[in-house]
Amino acid sequence: MKAFIIEDEARARAYMTRLLADNFPQIEVAGAVGSVKESLAWLGSHEAPDVIFMDVELSDGSSFEIFSARELPCPVVMTTAYDQYAIEAFKVHALDYLLKPIGLEELRRAIARVEAGEAVKPSPEAVRALTRREKFLIRLNDRIVPVRTADAAYFYSESKNSYMVTLSGTSYVLDESLEAIEGSLDPSAFFRISRSCIISEGIIDSVSKLMGGRLRIALKPGFSPATDMTVSRARVDDFLAWLER
């Protein structure tokens, strides 16, 4: 079986090559490049590989540009540090989606799927990547700050902007809508109490009834909410069931 590696970081290319060589004697790395341009040139001048291991963010653009430029001749396993590309990956029929740092067992399962000739569909691991975000990458001018989802106290929207407030009280502006954020969170840990707010169970101190069937959430000591913490009438029953589960 021949493999082609598309990865812009030299260290990551070497790591993947070594991981394959040390653990999968049936696989020969036929080539390894780091850009969209190099990838298209290699694919156009070499015999088709049996599998492509492809990072998302390359030195000269996104690997999704490769899919747009030509039809790929074999299964593709996406390898990336970012979980937000999972939906796009399966739209272009990637066979699997591995989050870095790539573990041996994850890689073993992906290769087994390639060897078995499985149809393109999300693996259980990939489904978790699709539906459970582990961290947010916050862009602050020329810096990128990773913030763990577990450190989020609540999310809210205001004036067409979305915000994350962490357990330490730090507020960050997010590029995504509240709808997109909600879809990536663990529903057992976060609940959307209104159109403008998603809250973590961990910061709820108490709940009181308001007139009109709504509920007011009091946060644990130390938290001063930047938005209204009222559970909308339409969400009250689901919210109470979420708290009682």
Foldseek 3Di string as FASTA:
>chain_A
DEEEEEAADPVVQVVVQVLCVVPPVVYDHPYYYFALVVVVVDCVPDDAGAEYEYEAQGPYGGNVVNLVVDPHDYAYEYEYQALPCLVVCVVSQHQEYAHPPGDSVNVVVSVVCSVVVHGRDYDPVSVLSQQAGQWDFADDPPDTDTDGPVQFFKWFDDPNWIWTAGPVGDIGTDPDDPVSVVRNHDLLQWDAQDNTMIGGPVFFDDWDADPPQKIATDGDPPDDDPDGRIRDNVCVVVVVVSVVD
